[in-house]
Amino acid sequence: MSIEIPTPEQTHLTEDDVRRIVREEVARAFKKDPGSRHAAVIASKGTLDWAYPPLILATAAAAAGMQTAIFFTFYGLNIIHKDAARKLKVDPVGNPAMPMPVPMPDVVTAMPGMVSLASKMMRSRFAKHNVATVADLLASARELDVRLIGCQMTIDVFGYTQDDFIDGVEFGGAAAFMSVARRSHVTIFV
């Protein structure tokens, strides 16, 4: 069975009409299920390449109108640390999938200085392709009211203090974050 969809000219709908209808449909869906307006992201990795996924996903969710929170635990705390520029690096030994300009054996990627070289290469690739920096993504997250939650237990275990982290970070334990996650339809572990 074939269904013929009328064109906008046949239905006399303007672009504004279509946009209004879509907004109304989205609003109706949100009223039916308020959990669909919440996203919860867990950031557990503390390298440069792993800092991007939770920040990009969270800012995208917030830009789509979702109330969003990121829970930074274990090495993910590096992302929100005041010294993130120094802490966020890429280790080619720890990431064998990392594309290198020329094929290199593991013994070469393990040599002193390769972490700095790989980190510089990754930052250069991001800049070449106009990818926002981690600092820019964090600023966007704060502008979009993404809640940045540092895991208090991990902070205590690693000997950090709350003053070690950027402005705008909240602090709480797993139970506090679970109260956010249980109300979310989108929960992502990175």
N, C-alpha and C. Protein backbone atom coordinates (compact mmCIF):
# COMPACT_ATOMS: atom_id res chain seq x y z
N MET A 1 0.84 -1.16 0.00
CA MET A 1 0.00 0.00 0.00
C MET A 1 0.89 1.24 0.00
N SER A 2 0.59 2.16 -0.85
CA SER A 2 1.38 3.37 -0.99
C SER A 2 0.60 4.56 -0.45
N ILE A 3 1.28 5.36 0.34
CA ILE A 3 0.66 6.57 0.88
C ILE A 3 1.27 7.76 0.19
N GLU A 4 0.43 8.59 -0.37
CA GLU A 4 0.92 9.79 -1.03
C GLU A 4 0.87 10.95 -0.05
N ILE A 5 2.04 11.56 0.15
CA ILE A 5 2.14 12.70 1.06
C ILE A 5 1.98 13.97 0.26
N PRO A 6 1.03 14.81 0.65
CA PRO A 6 0.83 16.05 -0.11
C PRO A 6 2.01 16.99 0.05
N THR A 7 2.28 17.75 -0.97
CA THR A 7 3.34 18.76 -0.91
C THR A 7 2.81 19.98 -0.16
N PRO A 8 3.70 20.86 0.32
CA PRO A 8 3.25 22.08 1.01
C PRO A 8 2.31 22.92 0.15
N GLU A 9 2.55 22.93 -1.18
CA GLU A 9 1.68 23.71 -2.06
C GLU A 9 0.26 23.14 -2.07
N GLN A 10 0.16 21.80 -2.01
CA GLN A 10 -1.16 21.15 -2.01
C GLN A 10 -1.90 21.38 -0.70
N THR A 11 -1.20 21.52 0.38
CA THR A 11 -1.85 21.71 1.68
C THR A 11 -1.91 23.17 2.09
N HIS A 12 -1.25 24.02 1.31
CA HIS A 12 -1.22 25.46 1.57
C HIS A 12 -0.54 25.78 2.90
N LEU A 13 0.44 24.97 3.29
CA LEU A 13 1.19 25.22 4.50
C LEU A 13 2.44 26.03 4.18
N THR A 14 2.69 27.02 4.98
CA THR A 14 3.92 27.79 4.82
C THR A 14 5.01 27.14 5.66
N GLU A 15 6.23 27.57 5.47
CA GLU A 15 7.33 27.06 6.29
C GLU A 15 7.07 27.36 7.76
N ASP A 16 6.54 28.55 8.05
CA ASP A 16 6.21 28.90 9.44
C ASP A 16 5.16 27.96 10.01
N ASP A 17 4.17 27.56 9.19
CA ASP A 17 3.16 26.61 9.65
C ASP A 17 3.80 25.27 10.02
N VAL A 18 4.69 24.80 9.17
CA VAL A 18 5.35 23.51 9.41
C VAL A 18 6.18 23.59 10.69
N ARG A 19 6.92 24.68 10.87
CA ARG A 19 7.72 24.85 12.08
C ARG A 19 6.84 24.88 13.33
N ARG A 20 5.70 25.57 13.24
CA ARG A 20 4.77 25.66 14.37
C ARG A 20 4.23 24.28 14.71
N ILE A 21 3.85 23.51 13.69
CA ILE A 21 3.30 22.17 13.90
C ILE A 21 4.34 21.27 14.57
N VAL A 22 5.58 21.33 14.09
CA VAL A 22 6.64 20.51 14.69
C VAL A 22 6.84 20.91 16.15
N ARG A 23 6.90 22.22 16.44
CA ARG A 23 7.06 22.67 17.84
C ARG A 23 5.92 22.17 18.71
N GLU A 24 4.69 22.21 18.19
CA GLU A 24 3.53 21.74 18.96
C GLU A 24 3.62 20.24 19.22
N GLU A 25 4.06 19.47 18.22
CA GLU A 25 4.20 18.03 18.39
C GLU A 25 5.26 17.70 19.44
N VAL A 26 6.38 18.40 19.40
CA VAL A 26 7.45 18.19 20.38
C VAL A 26 6.94 18.55 21.77
N ALA A 27 6.24 19.66 21.89
CA ALA A 27 5.69 20.08 23.19
C ALA A 27 4.72 19.03 23.73
N ARG A 28 3.87 18.48 22.86
CA ARG A 28 2.92 17.44 23.30
C ARG A 28 3.67 16.19 23.78
N ALA A 29 4.71 15.82 23.07
CA ALA A 29 5.49 14.64 23.46
C ALA A 29 6.15 14.87 24.82
N PHE A 30 6.69 16.07 25.05
CA PHE A 30 7.31 16.38 26.33
C PHE A 30 6.29 16.36 27.46
N LYS A 31 5.09 16.83 27.21
CA LYS A 31 4.06 16.82 28.26
C LYS A 31 3.71 15.39 28.64
N LYS A 32 3.67 14.49 27.66
CA LYS A 32 3.33 13.10 27.94
C LYS A 32 4.42 12.42 28.76
N ASP A 33 5.67 12.79 28.52
CA ASP A 33 6.78 12.10 29.16
C ASP A 33 7.87 13.10 29.54
N PRO A 34 7.78 13.69 30.74
CA PRO A 34 8.75 14.71 31.13
C PRO A 34 10.19 14.19 31.23
N GLY A 35 10.38 12.90 31.41
CA GLY A 35 11.72 12.34 31.46
C GLY A 35 12.48 12.52 30.16
N SER A 36 11.74 12.69 29.08
CA SER A 36 12.39 12.84 27.78
C SER A 36 13.07 14.19 27.65
N ARG A 37 12.91 15.04 28.64
CA ARG A 37 13.56 16.34 28.60
C ARG A 37 14.84 16.36 29.44
N HIS A 38 15.31 15.22 29.89
CA HIS A 38 16.49 15.14 30.76
C HIS A 38 17.53 14.21 30.16
N ALA A 39 18.80 14.62 30.29
CA ALA A 39 19.91 13.77 29.86
C ALA A 39 20.95 13.74 30.97
N ALA A 40 21.53 12.59 31.18
CA ALA A 40 22.57 12.40 32.20
C ALA A 40 23.77 11.73 31.55
N VAL A 41 24.94 12.33 31.75
CA VAL A 41 26.16 11.82 31.14
C VAL A 41 27.18 11.58 32.26
N ILE A 42 27.87 10.44 32.18
CA ILE A 42 28.92 10.14 33.14
C ILE A 42 30.25 10.19 32.39
N ALA A 43 31.17 11.05 32.84
CA ALA A 43 32.49 11.19 32.23
C ALA A 43 33.51 10.54 33.16
N SER A 44 34.11 9.43 32.72
CA SER A 44 35.04 8.70 33.58
C SER A 44 36.46 8.65 33.05
N LYS A 45 36.68 9.18 31.86
CA LYS A 45 38.00 9.12 31.25
C LYS A 45 38.65 10.50 31.31
N GLY A 46 39.97 10.55 31.48
CA GLY A 46 40.65 11.82 31.68
C GLY A 46 41.72 12.14 30.66
N THR A 47 41.53 11.71 29.42
CA THR A 47 42.49 12.05 28.38
C THR A 47 41.85 13.05 27.43
N LEU A 48 42.69 13.69 26.63
CA LEU A 48 42.20 14.70 25.70
C LEU A 48 41.13 14.14 24.76
N ASP A 49 41.38 12.98 24.17
CA ASP A 49 40.43 12.41 23.22
C ASP A 49 39.12 11.98 23.89
N TRP A 50 39.18 11.62 25.17
CA TRP A 50 37.97 11.21 25.88
C TRP A 50 37.26 12.37 26.58
N ALA A 51 37.83 13.56 26.53
CA ALA A 51 37.16 14.72 27.11
C ALA A 51 36.05 15.22 26.18
N TYR A 52 36.21 15.01 24.89
CA TYR A 52 35.25 15.53 23.92
C TYR A 52 33.88 14.86 23.94
N PRO A 53 33.77 13.52 23.93
CA PRO A 53 32.44 12.91 23.84
C PRO A 53 31.43 13.38 24.90
N PRO A 54 31.76 13.38 26.20
CA PRO A 54 30.74 13.81 27.15
C PRO A 54 30.35 15.27 26.99
N LEU A 55 31.32 16.12 26.64
CA LEU A 55 31.03 17.54 26.49
C LEU A 55 30.20 17.81 25.24
N ILE A 56 30.52 17.16 24.15
CA ILE A 56 29.75 17.35 22.91
C ILE A 56 28.34 16.80 23.07
N LEU A 57 28.21 15.61 23.64
CA LEU A 57 26.87 15.03 23.82
C LEU A 57 26.02 15.87 24.78
N ALA A 58 26.62 16.34 25.85
CA ALA A 58 25.86 17.13 26.83
C ALA A 58 25.45 18.48 26.26
N THR A 59 26.33 19.16 25.54
CA THR A 59 25.96 20.46 24.98
C THR A 59 24.93 20.28 23.87
N ALA A 60 25.01 19.19 23.11
CA ALA A 60 24.01 18.93 22.08
C ALA A 60 22.64 18.69 22.72
N ALA A 61 22.61 17.91 23.80
CA ALA A 61 21.34 17.66 24.50
C ALA A 61 20.76 18.96 25.06
N ALA A 62 21.62 19.76 25.68
CA ALA A 62 21.15 21.03 26.24
C ALA A 62 20.66 21.97 25.15
N ALA A 63 21.36 22.01 24.02
CA ALA A 63 20.94 22.87 22.91
C ALA A 63 19.60 22.41 22.34
N ALA A 64 19.31 21.12 22.48
CA ALA A 64 18.02 20.59 22.03
C ALA A 64 16.92 20.81 23.06
N GLY A 65 17.25 21.49 24.15
CA GLY A 65 16.25 21.81 25.15
C GLY A 65 16.15 20.85 26.31
N MET A 66 17.09 19.93 26.41
CA MET A 66 17.05 18.96 27.51
C MET A 66 17.80 19.51 28.72
N GLN A 67 17.28 19.25 29.91
CA GLN A 67 18.02 19.55 31.13
C GLN A 67 19.10 18.49 31.24
N THR A 68 20.34 18.94 31.31
CA THR A 68 21.47 18.02 31.17
C THR A 68 22.44 18.15 32.33
N ALA A 69 23.00 17.01 32.74
CA ALA A 69 24.02 17.00 33.79
C ALA A 69 25.13 16.05 33.37
N ILE A 70 26.37 16.43 33.71
CA ILE A 70 27.52 15.54 33.51
C ILE A 70 28.11 15.26 34.89
N PHE A 71 28.30 13.98 35.18
CA PHE A 71 28.91 13.54 36.43
C PHE A 71 30.35 13.13 36.10
N PHE A 72 31.31 13.89 36.63
CA PHE A 72 32.73 13.64 36.38
C PHE A 72 33.27 12.80 37.52
N THR A 73 33.69 11.58 37.20
CA THR A 73 34.19 10.68 38.22
C THR A 73 35.53 10.09 37.80
N PHE A 74 36.30 9.65 38.75
CA PHE A 74 37.64 9.12 38.53
C PHE A 74 38.43 10.04 37.61
N TYR A 75 38.98 9.53 36.53
CA TYR A 75 39.88 10.36 35.71
C TYR A 75 39.12 11.42 34.92
N GLY A 76 37.83 11.30 34.83
CA GLY A 76 37.02 12.33 34.19
C GLY A 76 37.12 13.67 34.90
N LEU A 77 37.54 13.64 36.17
CA LEU A 77 37.75 14.90 36.90
C LEU A 77 38.79 15.78 36.22
N ASN A 78 39.71 15.18 35.45
CA ASN A 78 40.72 15.98 34.74
C ASN A 78 40.07 17.01 33.82
N ILE A 79 38.92 16.71 33.29
CA ILE A 79 38.24 17.59 32.34
C ILE A 79 37.84 18.91 33.00
N ILE A 80 37.46 18.86 34.26
CA ILE A 80 36.99 20.07 34.95
C ILE A 80 38.02 20.62 35.93
N HIS A 81 39.20 20.04 35.92
CA HIS A 81 40.28 20.51 36.79
C HIS A 81 40.82 21.83 36.25
N LYS A 82 41.21 22.74 37.14
CA LYS A 82 41.77 24.03 36.71
C LYS A 82 43.02 23.84 35.86
N ASP A 83 43.72 22.74 36.06
CA ASP A 83 44.95 22.46 35.32
C ASP A 83 44.69 21.48 34.17
N ALA A 84 43.50 21.54 33.57
CA ALA A 84 43.12 20.59 32.52
C ALA A 84 44.05 20.66 31.32
N ALA A 85 44.54 21.85 30.99
CA ALA A 85 45.41 21.98 29.82
C ALA A 85 46.65 21.09 29.95
N ARG A 86 47.15 20.93 31.16
CA ARG A 86 48.31 20.08 31.40
C ARG A 86 47.91 18.61 31.59
N LYS A 87 46.75 18.38 32.21
CA LYS A 87 46.33 17.03 32.55
C LYS A 87 45.77 16.25 31.36
N LEU A 88 45.11 16.94 30.42
CA LEU A 88 44.46 16.26 29.30
C LEU A 88 45.47 16.01 28.18
N LYS A 89 45.89 14.77 28.07
CA LYS A 89 46.88 14.37 27.07
C LYS A 89 46.37 13.14 26.34
N VAL A 90 47.09 12.77 25.30
CA VAL A 90 46.77 11.55 24.55
C VAL A 90 48.01 10.66 24.60
N ASP A 91 47.81 9.43 24.98
CA ASP A 91 48.91 8.47 25.03
C ASP A 91 48.73 7.48 23.89
N PRO A 92 49.61 7.51 22.88
CA PRO A 92 49.43 6.59 21.75
C PRO A 92 49.54 5.12 22.14
N VAL A 93 50.24 4.81 23.22
CA VAL A 93 50.31 3.42 23.67
C VAL A 93 48.97 2.99 24.25
N GLY A 94 48.33 3.90 24.96
CA GLY A 94 47.03 3.60 25.56
C GLY A 94 45.90 3.63 24.56
N ASN A 95 46.15 4.13 23.36
CA ASN A 95 45.12 4.21 22.34
C ASN A 95 45.71 3.74 21.01
N PRO A 96 45.79 2.43 20.82
CA PRO A 96 46.40 1.91 19.60
C PRO A 96 45.62 2.26 18.33
N ALA A 97 44.38 2.70 18.45
CA ALA A 97 43.59 3.09 17.28
C ALA A 97 43.91 4.50 16.81
N MET A 98 44.73 5.22 17.58
CA MET A 98 45.04 6.60 17.22
C MET A 98 45.76 6.64 15.86
N PRO A 99 45.22 7.42 14.92
CA PRO A 99 45.88 7.50 13.62
C PRO A 99 47.19 8.28 13.72
N MET A 100 48.26 7.70 13.26
CA MET A 100 49.57 8.35 13.27
C MET A 100 49.90 8.74 11.83
N PRO A 101 50.71 9.78 11.66
CA PRO A 101 51.05 10.21 10.30
C PRO A 101 51.72 9.12 9.48
N VAL A 102 52.50 8.29 10.14
CA VAL A 102 53.12 7.13 9.49
C VAL A 102 52.98 5.95 10.46
N PRO A 103 52.88 4.74 9.94
CA PRO A 103 52.77 3.58 10.84
C PRO A 103 53.99 3.49 11.76
N MET A 104 53.72 3.26 13.05
CA MET A 104 54.81 3.17 14.02
C MET A 104 54.62 1.94 14.88
N PRO A 105 55.71 1.22 15.13
CA PRO A 105 55.59 0.09 16.05
C PRO A 105 55.37 0.59 17.48
N ASP A 106 54.77 -0.26 18.30
CA ASP A 106 54.46 0.10 19.69
C ASP A 106 55.70 0.57 20.44
N VAL A 107 56.85 -0.02 20.15
CA VAL A 107 58.06 0.36 20.87
C VAL A 107 58.40 1.83 20.62
N VAL A 108 58.09 2.34 19.44
CA VAL A 108 58.36 3.75 19.13
C VAL A 108 57.36 4.65 19.84
N THR A 109 56.08 4.26 19.84
CA THR A 109 55.07 5.10 20.49
C THR A 109 55.26 5.15 22.00
N ALA A 110 56.02 4.20 22.55
CA ALA A 110 56.28 4.18 24.00
C ALA A 110 57.49 5.01 24.40
N MET A 111 58.18 5.56 23.42
CA MET A 111 59.41 6.32 23.72
C MET A 111 59.08 7.64 24.44
N PRO A 112 60.02 8.14 25.24
CA PRO A 112 59.81 9.42 25.92
C PRO A 112 59.49 10.53 24.90
N GLY A 113 58.57 11.37 25.26
CA GLY A 113 58.19 12.49 24.41
C GLY A 113 57.03 12.21 23.48
N MET A 114 56.64 10.94 23.34
CA MET A 114 55.56 10.60 22.41
C MET A 114 54.19 11.07 22.90
N VAL A 115 53.99 11.09 24.22
CA VAL A 115 52.71 11.59 24.75
C VAL A 115 52.54 13.06 24.39
N SER A 116 53.59 13.84 24.59
CA SER A 116 53.53 15.27 24.24
C SER A 116 53.32 15.45 22.74
N LEU A 117 54.02 14.66 21.94
CA LEU A 117 53.88 14.76 20.49
C LEU A 117 52.47 14.38 20.04
N ALA A 118 51.95 13.28 20.58
CA ALA A 118 50.60 12.83 20.21
C ALA A 118 49.55 13.85 20.66
N SER A 119 49.74 14.42 21.84
CA SER A 119 48.79 15.43 22.34
C SER A 119 48.81 16.66 21.46
N LYS A 120 50.01 17.09 21.08
CA LYS A 120 50.14 18.25 20.20
C LYS A 120 49.50 17.96 18.84
N MET A 121 49.71 16.76 18.33
CA MET A 121 49.14 16.37 17.04
C MET A 121 47.61 16.39 17.10
N MET A 122 47.04 15.86 18.19
CA MET A 122 45.59 15.81 18.34
C MET A 122 45.01 17.23 18.43
N ARG A 123 45.64 18.09 19.22
CA ARG A 123 45.17 19.48 19.33
C ARG A 123 45.25 20.18 17.96
N SER A 124 46.30 19.90 17.23
CA SER A 124 46.47 20.48 15.90
C SER A 124 45.37 20.02 14.94
N ARG A 125 45.04 18.75 14.99
CA ARG A 125 43.96 18.23 14.13
C ARG A 125 42.63 18.88 14.48
N PHE A 126 42.35 19.00 15.77
CA PHE A 126 41.10 19.64 16.19
C PHE A 126 41.07 21.09 15.68
N ALA A 127 42.16 21.82 15.86
CA ALA A 127 42.21 23.22 15.43
C ALA A 127 42.06 23.32 13.92
N LYS A 128 42.72 22.44 13.17
CA LYS A 128 42.65 22.45 11.71
C LYS A 128 41.21 22.28 11.23
N HIS A 129 40.43 21.52 11.96
CA HIS A 129 39.04 21.24 11.57
C HIS A 129 38.03 22.09 12.35
N ASN A 130 38.54 23.14 12.97
CA ASN A 130 37.69 24.10 13.70
C ASN A 130 36.84 23.44 14.78
N VAL A 131 37.39 22.45 15.45
CA VAL A 131 36.70 21.81 16.56
C VAL A 131 36.95 22.67 17.80
N ALA A 132 35.91 22.92 18.53
CA ALA A 132 36.03 23.72 19.75
C ALA A 132 37.01 23.07 20.72
N THR A 133 37.70 23.88 21.49
CA THR A 133 38.59 23.34 22.52
C THR A 133 37.76 22.82 23.69
N VAL A 134 38.40 22.07 24.56
CA VAL A 134 37.71 21.59 25.76
C VAL A 134 37.24 22.78 26.59
N ALA A 135 38.08 23.80 26.71
CA ALA A 135 37.69 25.01 27.47
C ALA A 135 36.47 25.67 26.84
N ASP A 136 36.43 25.74 25.51
CA ASP A 136 35.27 26.33 24.82
C ASP A 136 34.01 25.50 25.05
N LEU A 137 34.15 24.18 25.01
CA LEU A 137 32.99 23.31 25.25
C LEU A 137 32.48 23.44 26.68
N LEU A 138 33.39 23.56 27.62
CA LEU A 138 32.98 23.77 29.02
C LEU A 138 32.25 25.11 29.17
N ALA A 139 32.76 26.14 28.51
CA ALA A 139 32.09 27.45 28.56
C ALA A 139 30.70 27.35 27.94
N SER A 140 30.58 26.64 26.83
CA SER A 140 29.26 26.45 26.19
C SER A 140 28.34 25.68 27.12
N ALA A 141 28.87 24.65 27.77
CA ALA A 141 28.05 23.86 28.69
C ALA A 141 27.49 24.75 29.80
N ARG A 142 28.34 25.60 30.35
CA ARG A 142 27.88 26.49 31.42
C ARG A 142 26.83 27.47 30.89
N GLU A 143 27.03 28.00 29.68
CA GLU A 143 26.06 28.92 29.08
C GLU A 143 24.72 28.24 28.85
N LEU A 144 24.75 26.93 28.55
CA LEU A 144 23.53 26.17 28.29
C LEU A 144 22.94 25.56 29.57
N ASP A 145 23.49 25.95 30.71
CA ASP A 145 23.02 25.47 32.02
C ASP A 145 23.18 23.97 32.21
N VAL A 146 24.20 23.39 31.60
CA VAL A 146 24.52 21.99 31.87
C VAL A 146 25.11 21.94 33.28
N ARG A 147 24.59 21.04 34.10
CA ARG A 147 25.13 20.88 35.45
C ARG A 147 26.42 20.07 35.36
N LEU A 148 27.49 20.61 35.90
CA LEU A 148 28.78 19.93 35.96
C LEU A 148 28.97 19.46 37.40
N ILE A 149 28.94 18.15 37.59
CA ILE A 149 28.97 17.60 38.94
C ILE A 149 30.25 16.78 39.13
N GLY A 150 31.09 17.20 40.06
CA GLY A 150 32.31 16.47 40.39
C GLY A 150 32.02 15.44 41.46
N CYS A 151 32.52 14.23 41.30
CA CYS A 151 32.29 13.14 42.25
C CYS A 151 33.10 13.41 43.53
N GLN A 152 32.41 13.68 44.61
CA GLN A 152 33.07 14.02 45.86
C GLN A 152 33.93 12.88 46.39
N MET A 153 33.47 11.63 46.24
CA MET A 153 34.25 10.50 46.72
C MET A 153 35.60 10.44 45.99
N THR A 154 35.57 10.61 44.66
CA THR A 154 36.81 10.55 43.89
C THR A 154 37.71 11.73 44.23
N ILE A 155 37.14 12.88 44.45
CA ILE A 155 37.92 14.05 44.84
C ILE A 155 38.66 13.76 46.15
N ASP A 156 37.95 13.16 47.10
CA ASP A 156 38.58 12.80 48.37
C ASP A 156 39.67 11.75 48.18
N VAL A 157 39.39 10.72 47.39
CA VAL A 157 40.35 9.64 47.17
C VAL A 157 41.63 10.15 46.52
N PHE A 158 41.50 11.07 45.54
CA PHE A 158 42.66 11.59 44.83
C PHE A 158 43.34 12.74 45.57
N GLY A 159 42.78 13.16 46.69
CA GLY A 159 43.40 14.23 47.47
C GLY A 159 43.19 15.62 46.91
N TYR A 160 42.18 15.78 46.07
CA TYR A 160 41.86 17.11 45.55
C TYR A 160 41.02 17.87 46.57
N THR A 161 40.88 19.17 46.33
CA THR A 161 39.92 19.98 47.07
C THR A 161 38.98 20.60 46.04
N GLN A 162 37.88 21.12 46.50
CA GLN A 162 36.93 21.74 45.58
C GLN A 162 37.53 22.95 44.88
N ASP A 163 38.52 23.57 45.49
CA ASP A 163 39.20 24.72 44.89
C ASP A 163 40.06 24.33 43.68
N ASP A 164 40.31 23.04 43.48
CA ASP A 164 41.11 22.57 42.35
C ASP A 164 40.34 22.58 41.03
N PHE A 165 39.04 22.88 41.09
CA PHE A 165 38.19 22.74 39.92
C PHE A 165 37.68 24.09 39.43
N ILE A 166 37.29 24.13 38.16
CA ILE A 166 36.83 25.36 37.53
C ILE A 166 35.54 25.86 38.19
N ASP A 167 35.26 27.13 37.97
CA ASP A 167 34.03 27.71 38.51
C ASP A 167 32.81 27.04 37.88
N GLY A 168 31.76 26.94 38.65
CA GLY A 168 30.50 26.40 38.15
C GLY A 168 30.32 24.92 38.39
N VAL A 169 31.30 24.25 39.01
CA VAL A 169 31.18 22.82 39.28
C VAL A 169 30.46 22.63 40.60
N GLU A 170 29.49 21.72 40.60
CA GLU A 170 28.83 21.28 41.83
C GLU A 170 29.55 20.02 42.29
N PHE A 171 29.35 19.68 43.55
CA PHE A 171 30.01 18.48 44.08
C PHE A 171 28.98 17.60 44.75
N GLY A 172 29.06 16.30 44.49
CA GLY A 172 28.11 15.36 45.07
C GLY A 172 28.58 13.94 44.84
N GLY A 173 27.92 13.03 45.49
CA GLY A 173 28.26 11.63 45.36
C GLY A 173 27.42 10.94 44.31
N ALA A 174 27.65 9.66 44.17
CA ALA A 174 26.92 8.86 43.19
C ALA A 174 25.41 8.89 43.45
N ALA A 175 25.02 8.87 44.71
CA ALA A 175 23.58 8.88 45.03
C ALA A 175 22.92 10.17 44.55
N ALA A 176 23.62 11.29 44.70
CA ALA A 176 23.08 12.57 44.23
C ALA A 176 22.92 12.54 42.71
N PHE A 177 23.92 11.99 42.01
CA PHE A 177 23.80 11.92 40.56
C PHE A 177 22.71 10.95 40.13
N MET A 178 22.54 9.86 40.87
CA MET A 178 21.49 8.90 40.52
C MET A 178 20.11 9.53 40.57
N SER A 179 19.92 10.52 41.43
CA SER A 179 18.61 11.19 41.46
C SER A 179 18.37 11.95 40.16
N VAL A 180 19.44 12.39 39.50
CA VAL A 180 19.32 13.04 38.19
C VAL A 180 19.11 11.96 37.12
N ALA A 181 19.94 10.93 37.16
CA ALA A 181 19.91 9.89 36.13
C ALA A 181 18.58 9.13 36.10
N ARG A 182 17.99 8.90 37.25
CA ARG A 182 16.74 8.12 37.27
C ARG A 182 15.59 8.85 36.62
N ARG A 183 15.69 10.18 36.49
CA ARG A 183 14.63 10.95 35.83
C ARG A 183 14.94 11.20 34.36
N SER A 184 16.01 10.62 33.87
CA SER A 184 16.44 10.86 32.50
C SER A 184 16.14 9.66 31.60
N HIS A 185 15.74 9.97 30.38
CA HIS A 185 15.58 8.90 29.40
C HIS A 185 16.89 8.64 28.68
N VAL A 186 17.76 9.64 28.68
CA VAL A 186 19.05 9.49 28.04
C VAL A 186 20.11 9.48 29.13
N THR A 187 20.78 8.35 29.31
CA THR A 187 21.88 8.24 30.25
C THR A 187 23.04 7.60 29.51
N ILE A 188 24.18 8.29 29.51
CA ILE A 188 25.33 7.86 28.72
C ILE A 188 26.55 7.75 29.63
N PHE A 189 27.27 6.64 29.52
CA PHE A 189 28.51 6.43 30.25
C PHE A 189 29.67 6.53 29.26
N VAL A 190 30.58 7.47 29.50
CA VAL A 190 31.74 7.64 28.61
C VAL A 190 33.01 7.39 29.42
